[in-house]
Amino acid sequence: MLTQLSIKNYALIDDLNVSFGQGFTTITGETGAGKSILLGALSLVLGKRADLSSLKHKEQKCVIEGVFAIQNYQLQPFFEANDLDYEEPTIIRREILPSGKSRAFINDSPVTLDILSNLGEQLVDIHSQHQTLRLTENEFQFKVVDALANNATLLAKFAAHLSEYKEASKTLAELVEYQINASKELDYNSFLLQELEAAPLKTGIQETLEEEYEQLSNVETIMELLSQSHQLLNQEQIGLLENLASLQQATRKLEGFGKQYVSMNARVQSIAIEMSDLATELERLQDGTEADPIRLEAVNGQLQLLHNLFKKHQATTIEELIQIREQLTEKVDVSINIESKIAAKKEEVEKREIELNAIAAEIRKNRNTAIPKLKELLLARLNLLGMPSASFNIAVTPSSAFKPNGKDELTFLFSANKGSDYGPLKKVASGGELSRIMLTIKSILAQYEQLPTLIFDEIDTGVSGEISNKMGDIMQGMSQSMQVFSITHLPQVASKGEQQFKVFKEEVANTTRTGIKLLSEVERVNELAEMLGGKAISDSALAHAKQLLQ
C-alpha cells in the first residue's frame, strides 16, 4: 500500500508531500492540472527510465520518494534474493542528477532499475489505456483463468519440472551429437591415450632419467675417477689409509702425555673411521660401475618419448601430461559407454515428460472447471456496466508443446451484441468496452489473489453518468480488501472515494507549479458541484453534489 509520496524538482512540481490512506481514493482536477505528472513521478519510483526533461530546475537534482506498507505482500524472499534489508514500511527513492544520471534506492540500498521495476510491479499496478491492451494478450488471459482455477501451486510445480525436463533434454541432445562424431574422436583419442600410457609418467621421473642418462653416458670417466680415488686411499706406502694408520699410532701414544692430546687422538680416530668407510664405498661403486649401452639406449628412448609428448601436447611438465592422460581416459570412457548413457538419459527425459503431462492435465482440468464461473461473473458485472448483451467464448484446448504455464491453448473470444460473431477482444471490442471489461476482470481477480495497489487512470472516460456510478461502486467494493485509486473527471466516481484529492495548477512569481491537496467535506461538495455544472456553481449542482456524497 502506498502511504506517502514525496516529489522535489519534477516537471511542474517544486516540492510536494502527500499521504494516502487505505480503501478507495479519488483524484480529480481540471485537464492539464498535472494528474499525469503525479503518475509520471510515481512511475519513476516504480522503475521507469528517466531523462533530464524530468527536471524542473536543470541545475538541481530531482528526488522522488515513495513509502509503502508491504506487510501483506510476502516479499521477504524477494528482499533476501536481492540482498536487501526487509523493512516495514519500505522506502523507495529515485534521484535524477543534473548530469542526466539516475540512481535508485530501496531502504537506502542502491539497486538497479531491473530490481526496482521487479519490486514496483508487485506494489503498484497503474491501469492506463496502454495497460488495458494487456487484456488482449494471451498471457494475461491465462493469468485470469488460472487465478479462478487456483492453479498457482500447480503452475509453480510445473515450472520447476519443466526446467528439469529442458535440462535433461539438452544433455540428451548433446550426447547424441557427441555420438555422431564419437567414432573418429574415439580412434584418435585412444591412440593418444596409448602413447601416454606407454610413457613412464610419474612425478620426478624426468629428473631421475636425466640423472641416469648422465651417468651411463659418462661411465668411463666415472670409472676412471673412482679408480684414481681408490688408489689415493689404498696405495701402499703413500696411500692416505697407510699414512693415517701411522698417524693413529702417533696420536694414540700422545694420549698418555696429557689431556690436551686426548681430543686430538679422538679426532684422528674419527677421521680414520670415515676414511675407511669411504674406501669401502669407493670400492663398492667401482665394482658396480660398468658400461651398459643397452640401458643407455633405453633411458635415452624414454627421455626422447617424454620430449615428443611434451611437444605434441604443448606441455612443459610431467604433471601436465598426467592430467592430459586422465582427460583422455575420461573421453575414451565416455565414447565407449555413450550408448548406455544415451539410453539412461532418454529414460530420464521420458519419465520427466510423463510427469509434466500429468501436471499439465491437472492444470487443464482446473481451467475447464473455472471457465464457466469466470464467464458467469463477467457477464453479471458487465450487465451492471451497460453491456447486457455481452458474451464470451472461452475455451482451453491441449497444445502439442510444453509452454511456460502448461500445455494448453486458450481461446478468449468476445461478442458485444446479440447475433454478432465472436472475435478476439482487440478486434471486436471498443476502447470503452475494453475498459469496462478490464475493470470487471480486476474486480474478479481481487477476490482470488492479493493484488497490488491499483491506480485507474480515467478508466471511466466516455461512459454515461449511470454507468460511471456502477464503475465507482465496483472500485469501491474492491477497496474493501485493497488500496484503490481512481483518477477521474466524473463526479459520480469521485464521490465514491473515502478521501478525495484535487490536483491543481497555479502561477507563483512568474512560474507555474502543480500541487495536490486533500479536500475537506465542504471542499468536496464544491469540487463535485463544479464537476457537475462548471465554474458557476448553482444551488442545484450543490444539492446534487451533497446527494452524491451521501
Protein backbone atom coordinates (compact mmCIF):
# COMPACT_ATOMS: atom_id res chain seq x y z
CA MET A 1 0.00 0.00 0.00
CA LEU A 2 1.28 3.45 -0.95
CA THR A 3 1.21 5.58 2.20
CA GLN A 4 3.27 8.61 1.21
CA LEU A 5 4.67 10.25 -1.92
CA SER A 6 7.31 13.00 -1.90
CA ILE A 7 8.33 14.84 -5.09
CA LYS A 8 11.01 17.51 -5.47
CA ASN A 9 12.02 19.37 -8.64
CA TYR A 10 9.99 17.24 -11.04
CA ALA A 11 8.22 18.74 -14.10
CA LEU A 12 5.90 21.48 -12.68
CA ILE A 13 6.38 20.37 -9.07
CA ASP A 14 8.77 22.22 -6.77
CA ASP A 15 8.24 20.37 -3.51
CA LEU A 16 5.24 18.19 -2.78
CA ASN A 17 4.40 15.79 0.04
CA VAL A 18 1.17 13.84 0.19
CA SER A 19 -0.06 10.99 2.40
CA PHE A 20 -2.61 8.37 1.37
CA GLY A 21 -4.88 6.09 3.36
CA GLN A 22 -6.43 2.69 2.85
CA GLY A 23 -9.53 1.98 0.82
CA PHE A 24 -10.73 3.98 -2.17
CA THR A 25 -9.10 7.31 -3.05
CA THR A 26 -10.25 9.53 -5.90
CA ILE A 27 -8.14 12.19 -7.58
CA THR A 28 -9.74 15.00 -9.58
CA GLY A 29 -8.65 18.20 -11.26
CA GLU A 30 -9.00 20.10 -14.49
CA THR A 31 -7.44 18.83 -17.68
CA GLY A 32 -3.79 19.89 -17.73
CA ALA A 33 -3.63 20.48 -13.98
CA GLY A 34 -0.91 17.84 -13.60
CA LYS A 35 -2.55 14.50 -12.79
CA SER A 36 -0.32 12.84 -15.38
CA ILE A 37 2.70 14.47 -13.71
CA LEU A 38 1.85 12.69 -10.46
CA LEU A 39 1.60 9.38 -12.29
CA GLY A 40 4.87 10.09 -14.09
CA ALA A 41 6.65 10.74 -10.81
CA LEU A 42 5.21 7.59 -9.26
CA SER A 43 6.27 5.60 -12.34
CA LEU A 44 9.88 6.70 -11.74
CA VAL A 45 9.70 5.30 -8.20
CA LEU A 46 8.39 2.06 -9.70
CA GLY A 47 11.32 1.68 -12.10
CA LYS A 48 10.53 3.68 -15.25
CA ARG A 49 13.54 5.14 -17.06
CA ALA A 50 14.18 8.85 -16.58
CA ASP A 51 15.76 11.71 -18.56
CA LEU A 52 16.80 15.30 -17.97
CA SER A 53 13.46 16.62 -19.19
CA SER A 54 12.04 15.47 -15.84
CA LEU A 55 13.94 18.22 -14.01
CA LYS A 56 12.11 21.47 -13.35
CA HIS A 57 15.32 23.31 -12.45
CA LYS A 58 18.06 21.78 -14.60
CA GLU A 59 20.86 22.69 -12.17
CA GLN A 60 19.24 20.83 -9.24
CA LYS A 61 18.61 17.14 -8.75
CA CYS A 62 15.14 15.63 -8.74
CA VAL A 63 14.20 13.39 -5.80
CA ILE A 64 11.06 11.24 -5.71
CA GLU A 65 10.35 9.04 -2.71
CA GLY A 66 7.54 6.60 -2.04
CA VAL A 67 6.72 4.95 1.27
CA PHE A 68 4.97 1.57 1.10
CA ALA A 69 3.33 -0.67 3.69
CA ILE A 70 4.33 -4.13 2.45
CA GLN A 71 3.38 -6.48 5.29
CA ASN A 72 0.65 -8.21 3.21
CA TYR A 73 2.70 -8.93 0.11
CA GLN A 74 5.00 -11.81 1.24
CA LEU A 75 8.05 -10.04 -0.19
CA GLN A 76 10.68 -11.36 2.24
CA PRO A 77 12.04 -13.85 -0.37
CA PHE A 78 12.46 -11.01 -2.89
CA PHE A 79 14.42 -8.91 -0.41
CA GLU A 80 16.61 -11.88 0.60
CA ALA A 81 17.28 -12.87 -3.03
CA ASN A 82 18.45 -9.33 -3.83
CA ASP A 83 20.41 -8.87 -0.57
CA LEU A 84 18.16 -6.04 0.65
CA ASP A 85 17.04 -5.13 4.14
CA TYR A 86 13.38 -6.03 4.60
CA GLU A 87 11.76 -3.14 6.44
CA GLU A 88 8.20 -2.20 7.27
CA PRO A 89 7.48 0.32 5.92
CA THR A 90 9.76 0.19 2.87
CA ILE A 91 11.07 3.40 1.30
CA ILE A 92 11.87 3.61 -2.42
CA ARG A 93 13.80 6.63 -3.72
CA ARG A 94 14.78 7.80 -7.20
CA GLU A 95 17.25 10.58 -7.86
CA ILE A 96 17.85 12.23 -11.24
CA LEU A 97 21.04 14.28 -11.26
CA PRO A 98 21.69 17.39 -13.40
CA SER A 99 24.28 15.30 -15.26
CA GLY A 100 21.48 13.07 -16.51
CA LYS A 101 22.46 10.09 -14.37
CA SER A 102 19.78 8.32 -12.37
CA ARG A 103 20.07 6.46 -9.07
CA ALA A 104 17.63 4.15 -7.32
CA PHE A 105 17.46 3.06 -3.66
CA ILE A 106 15.37 0.58 -1.68
CA ASN A 107 15.62 1.25 2.05
CA ASP A 108 18.76 3.30 1.32
CA SER A 109 20.47 0.42 -0.51
CA PRO A 110 21.40 1.24 -4.13
CA VAL A 111 19.69 -1.04 -6.67
CA THR A 112 19.48 -1.47 -10.44
CA LEU A 113 16.40 -0.41 -12.39
CA ASP A 114 15.62 -4.07 -13.11
CA ILE A 115 15.37 -4.84 -9.39
CA LEU A 116 13.35 -1.68 -8.75
CA SER A 117 10.98 -2.45 -11.63
CA ASN A 118 10.51 -6.02 -10.39
CA LEU A 119 9.55 -4.77 -6.93
CA GLY A 120 7.39 -1.97 -8.35
CA GLU A 121 5.26 -4.44 -10.31
CA GLN A 122 4.42 -6.19 -7.04
CA LEU A 123 3.48 -2.95 -5.24
CA VAL A 124 1.51 -0.82 -7.71
CA ASP A 125 -0.50 -1.55 -10.85
CA ILE A 126 -1.15 1.64 -12.85
CA HIS A 127 -4.11 0.93 -15.09
CA SER A 128 -3.86 3.23 -18.10
CA GLN A 129 -5.13 2.97 -21.66
CA HIS A 130 -1.91 1.16 -22.58
CA GLN A 131 -2.37 -1.29 -19.73
CA THR A 132 -5.94 -2.01 -20.87
CA LEU A 133 -4.44 -3.51 -24.03
CA ARG A 134 -2.92 -6.26 -21.85
CA LEU A 135 -6.43 -7.64 -21.72
CA THR A 136 -5.98 -8.70 -25.35
CA GLU A 137 -2.76 -10.60 -24.59
CA ASN A 138 -2.96 -14.36 -24.18
CA GLU A 139 -0.56 -14.34 -21.22
CA PHE A 140 -2.86 -12.03 -19.23
CA GLN A 141 -5.93 -14.06 -20.19
CA PHE A 142 -4.24 -17.20 -18.87
CA LYS A 143 -3.47 -15.35 -15.64
CA VAL A 144 -7.17 -14.53 -15.16
CA VAL A 145 -8.33 -18.10 -15.80
CA ASP A 146 -5.58 -19.56 -13.56
CA ALA A 147 -6.47 -17.20 -10.70
CA LEU A 148 -10.02 -18.56 -10.63
CA ALA A 149 -8.69 -22.09 -11.17
CA ASN A 150 -6.44 -21.76 -8.10
CA ASN A 151 -3.55 -23.06 -10.20
CA ALA A 152 -0.73 -21.10 -8.51
CA THR A 153 0.81 -24.11 -6.72
CA LEU A 154 0.45 -26.38 -9.76
CA LEU A 155 1.99 -23.77 -12.07
CA ALA A 156 5.00 -23.38 -9.78
CA LYS A 157 5.40 -27.16 -9.69
CA PHE A 158 5.07 -27.33 -13.48
CA ALA A 159 7.70 -24.59 -13.97
CA ALA A 160 10.19 -26.47 -11.77
CA HIS A 161 9.60 -29.77 -13.59
CA LEU A 162 9.79 -28.02 -16.98
CA SER A 163 13.21 -26.61 -16.10
CA GLU A 164 14.48 -30.10 -15.19
CA TYR A 165 12.94 -31.57 -18.35
CA LYS A 166 14.61 -28.95 -20.57
CA GLU A 167 17.98 -29.54 -18.87
CA ALA A 168 17.70 -33.31 -19.36
CA SER A 169 16.62 -32.84 -23.00
CA LYS A 170 19.57 -30.53 -23.63
CA THR A 171 22.00 -33.09 -22.18
CA LEU A 172 20.45 -35.83 -24.31
CA ALA A 173 20.85 -33.73 -27.46
CA GLU A 174 24.49 -33.08 -26.59
CA LEU A 175 25.13 -36.80 -26.05
CA VAL A 176 23.52 -37.70 -29.37
CA GLU A 177 25.54 -35.03 -31.17
CA TYR A 178 28.69 -36.30 -29.44
CA GLN A 179 27.89 -39.83 -30.57
CA ILE A 180 27.81 -38.74 -34.23
CA ASN A 181 31.43 -37.64 -34.06
CA ALA A 182 32.46 -40.21 -31.46
CA SER A 183 33.92 -42.86 -33.77
CA LYS A 184 36.56 -40.58 -35.31
CA GLU A 185 37.32 -38.96 -31.97
CA LEU A 186 37.49 -42.35 -30.23
CA ASP A 187 40.19 -43.69 -32.59
CA TYR A 188 42.32 -40.57 -32.27
CA ASN A 189 41.87 -40.21 -28.50
CA SER A 190 42.61 -43.92 -27.99
CA PHE A 191 45.87 -43.56 -29.94
CA LEU A 192 46.90 -40.54 -27.85
CA LEU A 193 45.97 -42.35 -24.65
CA GLN A 194 48.02 -45.44 -25.59
CA GLU A 195 51.05 -43.23 -26.18
CA LEU A 196 50.68 -41.61 -22.79
CA GLU A 197 50.04 -44.93 -21.02
CA ALA A 198 53.24 -46.34 -22.59
CA ALA A 199 55.27 -43.43 -21.22
CA PRO A 200 56.79 -43.60 -17.71
CA LEU A 201 54.57 -40.80 -16.32
CA LYS A 202 55.08 -40.27 -12.61
CA THR A 203 56.23 -37.32 -10.60
CA GLY A 204 60.03 -36.89 -10.65
CA ILE A 205 60.63 -39.44 -13.42
CA GLN A 206 62.16 -36.90 -15.81
CA GLU A 207 64.81 -35.83 -13.30
CA THR A 208 65.58 -39.47 -12.45
CA LEU A 209 66.00 -40.46 -16.09
CA GLU A 210 68.16 -37.43 -16.88
CA GLU A 211 70.46 -38.27 -13.93
CA GLU A 212 70.73 -41.91 -15.01
CA TYR A 213 71.42 -40.88 -18.61
CA GLU A 214 74.20 -38.55 -17.42
CA GLN A 215 75.85 -41.41 -15.50
CA LEU A 216 75.52 -44.01 -18.27
CA SER A 217 76.83 -41.70 -20.97
CA ASN A 218 79.90 -40.79 -18.82
CA VAL A 219 80.61 -44.26 -17.35
CA GLU A 220 84.29 -44.40 -18.46
CA THR A 221 85.10 -41.06 -16.82
CA ILE A 222 83.28 -42.13 -13.66
CA MET A 223 85.17 -45.47 -13.53
CA GLU A 224 88.50 -43.70 -14.04
CA LEU A 225 87.81 -41.19 -11.26
CA LEU A 226 86.63 -43.93 -8.88
CA SER A 227 89.81 -45.95 -9.57
CA GLN A 228 92.01 -42.90 -9.04
CA SER A 229 90.25 -42.11 -5.76
CA HIS A 230 90.58 -45.72 -4.56
CA GLN A 231 94.31 -45.69 -5.32
CA LEU A 232 94.85 -42.45 -3.42
CA LEU A 233 93.33 -44.06 -0.37
CA ASN A 234 94.83 -47.58 -0.61
CA GLN A 235 98.20 -47.25 -2.44
CA GLU A 236 100.99 -48.87 -0.41
CA GLN A 237 103.38 -46.56 1.47
CA ILE A 238 101.93 -43.31 0.02
CA GLY A 239 98.16 -44.08 0.31
CA LEU A 240 96.05 -41.99 2.69
CA LEU A 241 94.96 -45.00 4.73
CA GLU A 242 98.59 -46.14 5.22
CA ASN A 243 99.61 -42.67 6.39
CA LEU A 244 96.50 -42.41 8.60
CA ALA A 245 97.46 -45.68 10.29
CA SER A 246 100.86 -44.16 11.20
CA LEU A 247 99.16 -41.00 12.41
CA GLN A 248 96.76 -43.08 14.58
CA GLN A 249 99.70 -44.82 16.28
CA ALA A 250 101.43 -41.49 16.98
CA THR A 251 98.36 -39.71 18.46
CA ARG A 252 97.41 -42.79 20.46
CA LYS A 253 100.83 -42.64 22.15
CA LEU A 254 100.47 -38.90 22.75
CA GLU A 255 97.30 -39.53 24.80
CA GLY A 256 99.41 -40.59 27.74
CA PHE A 257 101.18 -37.24 27.95
CA GLY A 258 98.24 -35.02 28.74
CA LYS A 259 94.56 -34.29 28.40
CA GLN A 260 95.17 -31.90 25.50
CA TYR A 261 96.21 -34.89 23.34
CA VAL A 262 93.11 -36.98 24.11
CA SER A 263 90.71 -34.91 21.95
CA MET A 264 93.30 -34.76 19.18
CA ASN A 265 93.57 -38.55 19.13
CA ALA A 266 89.77 -38.88 19.12
CA ARG A 267 89.51 -36.64 16.07
CA VAL A 268 92.22 -38.64 14.24
CA GLN A 269 90.47 -41.92 15.09
CA SER A 270 87.14 -40.46 13.75
CA ILE A 271 88.81 -39.36 10.51
CA ALA A 272 90.37 -42.80 10.15
CA ILE A 273 86.97 -44.50 10.53
CA GLU A 274 85.35 -42.11 8.00
CA MET A 275 88.22 -42.65 5.51
CA SER A 276 87.92 -46.41 5.91
CA ASP A 277 84.16 -46.22 5.18
CA LEU A 278 84.87 -44.00 2.21
CA ALA A 279 87.39 -46.53 0.84
CA THR A 280 84.78 -49.30 1.17
CA GLU A 281 82.12 -47.17 -0.60
CA LEU A 282 84.55 -46.32 -3.42
CA GLU A 283 85.35 -50.00 -3.86
CA ARG A 284 81.63 -50.87 -3.97
CA LEU A 285 80.92 -48.15 -6.53
CA GLN A 286 83.92 -49.19 -8.59
CA ASP A 287 82.82 -52.82 -8.63
CA GLY A 288 79.21 -51.83 -9.55
CA THR A 289 80.06 -49.40 -12.32
CA GLU A 290 80.30 -50.72 -15.82
CA ALA A 291 79.32 -49.69 -19.31
CA ASP A 292 75.69 -50.63 -20.21
CA PRO A 293 74.92 -49.48 -23.77
CA ILE A 294 71.59 -51.32 -23.80
CA ARG A 295 70.34 -49.46 -20.70
CA LEU A 296 71.74 -46.19 -22.03
CA GLU A 297 69.72 -46.66 -25.20
CA ALA A 298 66.58 -47.47 -23.19
CA VAL A 299 66.94 -44.39 -20.97
CA ASN A 300 67.62 -42.21 -23.99
CA GLY A 301 64.48 -43.64 -25.65
CA GLN A 302 62.32 -42.83 -22.63
CA LEU A 303 63.67 -39.28 -22.48
CA GLN A 304 63.03 -38.83 -26.19
CA LEU A 305 59.47 -40.17 -25.72
CA LEU A 306 58.84 -37.63 -22.97
CA HIS A 307 60.26 -34.85 -25.14
CA ASN A 308 57.99 -35.85 -28.05
CA LEU A 309 54.94 -35.96 -25.74
CA PHE A 310 55.77 -32.51 -24.34
CA LYS A 311 55.91 -31.16 -27.88
CA LYS A 312 52.76 -32.95 -29.12
CA HIS A 313 50.57 -31.91 -26.18
CA GLN A 314 52.21 -28.49 -25.71
CA ALA A 315 53.04 -29.41 -22.11
CA THR A 316 56.06 -28.45 -20.02
CA THR A 317 55.82 -30.78 -17.01
CA ILE A 318 55.12 -34.43 -16.25
CA GLU A 319 52.15 -33.32 -14.12
CA GLU A 320 50.54 -31.68 -17.16
CA LEU A 321 50.94 -34.88 -19.18
CA ILE A 322 49.36 -36.89 -16.34
CA GLN A 323 46.38 -34.51 -16.34
CA ILE A 324 46.01 -34.83 -20.13
CA ARG A 325 46.14 -38.62 -19.77
CA GLU A 326 43.31 -38.52 -17.23
CA GLN A 327 41.23 -36.27 -19.51
CA LEU A 328 41.74 -38.61 -22.46
CA THR A 329 40.84 -41.59 -20.27
CA GLU A 330 37.55 -39.88 -19.41
CA LYS A 331 36.82 -39.01 -23.07
CA VAL A 332 37.54 -42.54 -24.24
CA ASP A 333 35.36 -43.92 -21.43
CA VAL A 334 32.50 -41.59 -22.43
CA SER A 335 32.85 -42.63 -26.08
CA ILE A 336 32.89 -46.34 -25.24
CA ASN A 337 29.89 -46.04 -22.89
CA ILE A 338 27.94 -43.44 -24.89
CA GLU A 339 25.18 -45.86 -25.86
CA SER A 340 24.32 -46.70 -22.27
CA LYS A 341 24.46 -43.05 -21.27
CA ILE A 342 22.12 -42.06 -24.10
CA ALA A 343 19.71 -44.82 -23.14
CA ALA A 344 19.73 -43.71 -19.48
CA LYS A 345 19.20 -40.06 -20.43
CA LYS A 346 16.34 -40.97 -22.81
CA GLU A 347 14.68 -42.85 -19.99
CA GLU A 348 15.05 -39.80 -17.72
CA VAL A 349 13.59 -37.44 -20.37
CA GLU A 350 10.62 -39.77 -20.96
CA LYS A 351 9.97 -40.02 -17.23
CA ARG A 352 10.03 -36.23 -16.81
CA GLU A 353 7.75 -35.83 -19.84
CA ILE A 354 5.20 -38.18 -18.27
CA GLU A 355 5.33 -36.16 -15.02
CA LEU A 356 4.90 -32.89 -16.93
CA ASN A 357 1.93 -34.23 -18.89
CA ALA A 358 0.27 -35.31 -15.64
CA ILE A 359 0.69 -31.86 -14.06
CA ALA A 360 -0.44 -30.16 -17.30
CA ALA A 361 -3.57 -32.33 -17.38
CA GLU A 362 -4.43 -31.31 -13.81
CA ILE A 363 -3.89 -27.64 -14.69
CA ARG A 364 -6.17 -28.05 -17.73
CA LYS A 365 -8.85 -29.74 -15.64
CA ASN A 366 -8.86 -26.85 -13.17
CA ARG A 367 -9.03 -24.33 -16.01
CA ASN A 368 -12.01 -26.04 -17.59
CA THR A 369 -13.73 -26.07 -14.21
CA ALA A 370 -13.06 -22.36 -13.67
CA ILE A 371 -14.12 -21.05 -17.09
CA PRO A 372 -17.94 -21.32 -16.55
CA LYS A 373 -17.58 -19.45 -13.23
CA LEU A 374 -15.45 -16.77 -14.90
CA LYS A 375 -17.99 -16.27 -17.68
CA GLU A 376 -20.82 -16.06 -15.15
CA LEU A 377 -19.02 -13.37 -13.11
CA LEU A 378 -18.01 -11.40 -16.22
CA LEU A 379 -21.49 -11.33 -17.69
CA ALA A 380 -23.18 -10.40 -14.40
CA ARG A 381 -20.90 -7.43 -13.77
CA LEU A 382 -20.80 -6.26 -17.39
CA ASN A 383 -24.59 -6.24 -17.33
CA LEU A 384 -24.39 -3.71 -14.49
CA LEU A 385 -21.98 -1.65 -16.59
CA GLY A 386 -24.36 -1.29 -19.51
CA MET A 387 -23.29 -4.31 -21.55
CA PRO A 388 -26.29 -6.66 -21.14
CA SER A 389 -25.70 -8.45 -24.45
CA ALA A 390 -22.02 -9.11 -23.92
CA SER A 391 -20.93 -12.75 -24.12
CA PHE A 392 -17.68 -14.68 -24.12
CA ASN A 393 -16.45 -17.85 -25.77
CA ILE A 394 -13.56 -19.04 -23.60
CA ALA A 395 -12.04 -22.45 -24.28
CA VAL A 396 -8.91 -24.40 -23.38
CA THR A 397 -7.51 -26.97 -25.83
CA PRO A 398 -4.43 -29.18 -25.45
CA SER A 399 -1.25 -27.96 -27.10
CA SER A 400 1.32 -30.15 -28.82
CA ALA A 401 4.21 -28.49 -27.00
CA PHE A 402 5.02 -27.58 -23.43
CA LYS A 403 4.63 -23.88 -22.57
CA PRO A 404 5.83 -21.98 -19.50
CA ASN A 405 2.33 -22.25 -17.97
CA GLY A 406 1.26 -25.72 -19.04
CA LYS A 407 0.34 -27.45 -22.27
CA ASP A 408 -2.74 -25.54 -23.39
CA GLU A 409 -4.00 -23.11 -25.99
CA LEU A 410 -6.51 -20.54 -24.70
CA THR A 411 -9.20 -19.03 -26.90
CA PHE A 412 -10.69 -15.86 -25.40
CA LEU A 413 -13.35 -14.50 -27.78
CA PHE A 414 -15.92 -11.75 -27.23
CA SER A 415 -19.17 -10.53 -28.66
CA ALA A 416 -20.75 -7.26 -27.53
CA ASN A 417 -24.13 -7.71 -29.21
CA LYS A 418 -26.62 -10.49 -29.71
CA GLY A 419 -26.22 -12.15 -33.07
CA SER A 420 -22.71 -10.78 -33.59
CA ASP A 421 -19.86 -13.12 -34.37
CA TYR A 422 -17.29 -13.86 -31.71
CA GLY A 423 -13.84 -12.43 -32.26
CA PRO A 424 -10.59 -11.55 -30.46
CA LEU A 425 -11.02 -8.70 -27.97
CA LYS A 426 -8.56 -6.42 -29.76
CA LYS A 427 -10.61 -6.69 -32.96
CA VAL A 428 -14.24 -6.60 -31.81
CA ALA A 429 -14.22 -4.58 -28.54
CA SER A 430 -14.18 -0.78 -28.48
CA GLY A 431 -11.94 1.19 -26.15
CA GLY A 432 -14.82 1.87 -23.76
CA GLU A 433 -15.82 -1.80 -23.76
CA LEU A 434 -12.23 -2.87 -23.11
CA SER A 435 -12.04 -0.50 -20.13
CA ARG A 436 -15.21 -1.91 -18.60
CA ILE A 437 -14.10 -5.50 -19.24
CA MET A 438 -10.71 -4.80 -17.64
CA LEU A 439 -12.33 -3.19 -14.59
CA THR A 440 -14.60 -6.19 -14.28
CA ILE A 441 -11.69 -8.62 -14.54
CA LYS A 442 -9.64 -6.68 -11.97
CA SER A 443 -12.57 -6.76 -9.57
CA ILE A 444 -12.85 -10.53 -10.04
CA LEU A 445 -9.10 -11.07 -9.57
CA ALA A 446 -9.23 -9.08 -6.33
CA GLN A 447 -11.44 -11.84 -4.88
CA TYR A 448 -8.93 -14.58 -5.69
CA GLU A 449 -5.47 -13.13 -5.12
CA GLN A 450 -3.67 -10.33 -3.28
CA LEU A 451 -3.40 -7.59 -5.89
CA PRO A 452 -1.02 -4.65 -5.58
CA THR A 453 -2.30 -1.11 -5.17
CA LEU A 454 -4.50 -0.35 -8.19
CA ILE A 455 -4.49 3.06 -9.85
CA PHE A 456 -7.19 3.52 -12.51
CA ASP A 457 -6.26 6.39 -14.80
CA GLU A 458 -9.51 7.72 -16.28
CA ILE A 459 -10.91 4.24 -16.82
CA ASP A 460 -14.38 5.83 -16.87
CA THR A 461 -13.69 8.06 -19.90
CA GLY A 462 -16.58 8.09 -22.38
CA VAL A 463 -19.20 6.36 -20.23
CA SER A 464 -22.53 7.73 -19.06
CA GLY A 465 -23.26 9.01 -15.58
CA GLU A 466 -25.23 5.91 -14.61
CA ILE A 467 -22.54 3.53 -15.85
CA SER A 468 -19.82 5.57 -14.18
CA ASN A 469 -21.81 5.30 -10.95
CA LYS A 470 -21.71 1.49 -11.25
CA MET A 471 -17.99 1.59 -12.07
CA GLY A 472 -17.45 3.64 -8.94
CA ASP A 473 -19.38 1.04 -6.92
CA ILE A 474 -17.14 -1.72 -8.30
CA MET A 475 -13.95 0.17 -7.43
CA GLN A 476 -15.35 0.98 -4.01
CA GLY A 477 -16.12 -2.71 -3.47
CA MET A 478 -12.60 -3.70 -4.48
CA SER A 479 -11.16 -1.24 -1.95
CA GLN A 480 -12.60 -3.28 0.91
CA SER A 481 -9.63 -5.66 0.58
CA MET A 482 -7.01 -3.47 -1.13
CA GLN A 483 -5.92 0.09 -1.87
CA VAL A 484 -7.57 1.57 -4.97
CA PHE A 485 -7.05 4.96 -6.66
CA SER A 486 -9.16 6.45 -9.43
CA ILE A 487 -8.10 9.47 -11.43
CA THR A 488 -11.41 10.68 -12.81
CA HIS A 489 -13.32 13.53 -14.44
CA LEU A 490 -16.70 12.14 -13.39
CA PRO A 491 -18.37 13.32 -10.15
CA GLN A 492 -20.23 10.02 -9.80
CA VAL A 493 -16.89 8.20 -9.41
CA ALA A 494 -15.15 10.96 -7.44
CA SER A 495 -17.88 10.94 -4.81
CA LYS A 496 -17.32 7.24 -4.04
CA GLY A 497 -13.87 7.81 -2.57
CA GLU A 498 -13.24 7.61 1.14
CA GLN A 499 -10.91 10.53 0.51
CA GLN A 500 -10.65 12.88 -2.45
CA PHE A 501 -7.60 14.80 -3.64
CA LYS A 502 -7.59 17.68 -6.06
CA VAL A 503 -4.66 18.34 -8.38
CA PHE A 504 -4.32 21.99 -9.29
CA LYS A 505 -2.04 24.29 -11.18
CA GLU A 506 -1.16 27.82 -10.04
CA GLU A 507 1.12 30.66 -11.03
CA VAL A 508 3.52 31.93 -8.37
CA ALA A 509 6.22 34.55 -9.01
CA ASN A 510 6.01 34.21 -12.78
CA THR A 511 6.29 30.44 -12.66
CA THR A 512 3.70 27.68 -12.94
CA ARG A 513 3.59 24.88 -10.45
CA THR A 514 1.42 21.84 -9.76
CA GLY A 515 0.09 20.96 -6.32
CA ILE A 516 -2.28 18.49 -4.72
CA LYS A 517 -4.48 18.81 -1.65
CA LEU A 518 -6.77 16.60 0.38
CA LEU A 519 -10.29 18.07 0.18
CA SER A 520 -12.38 18.70 3.27
CA GLU A 521 -16.08 17.83 3.27
CA VAL A 522 -17.06 21.35 2.19
CA GLU A 523 -14.34 21.47 -0.45
CA ARG A 524 -15.51 18.12 -1.83
CA VAL A 525 -19.05 19.44 -2.22
CA ASN A 526 -17.78 22.46 -4.14
CA GLU A 527 -15.42 20.36 -6.29
CA LEU A 528 -18.19 17.90 -7.20
CA ALA A 529 -20.62 20.75 -7.90
CA GLU A 530 -18.07 22.33 -10.23
CA MET A 531 -17.57 18.98 -11.98
CA LEU A 532 -21.34 18.74 -12.40
CA GLY A 533 -22.15 22.25 -13.56
CA GLY A 534 -18.98 24.17 -14.33
CA LYS A 535 -17.30 27.14 -12.64
CA ALA A 536 -20.59 28.96 -11.99
CA ILE A 537 -21.83 26.69 -9.22
CA SER A 538 -25.59 26.57 -8.95
CA ASP A 539 -27.73 25.61 -6.00
CA SER A 540 -28.96 22.56 -7.86
CA ALA A 541 -25.35 21.49 -8.54
CA LEU A 542 -24.53 21.89 -4.84
CA ALA A 543 -27.59 19.90 -3.88
CA HIS A 544 -26.68 17.18 -6.38
CA ALA A 545 -23.09 17.10 -5.07
CA LYS A 546 -24.29 16.68 -1.48
CA GLN A 547 -26.61 13.93 -2.62
CA LEU A 548 -23.74 12.11 -4.34
CA LEU A 549 -21.65 12.24 -1.18
CA GLN A 550 -24.49 10.90 0.91
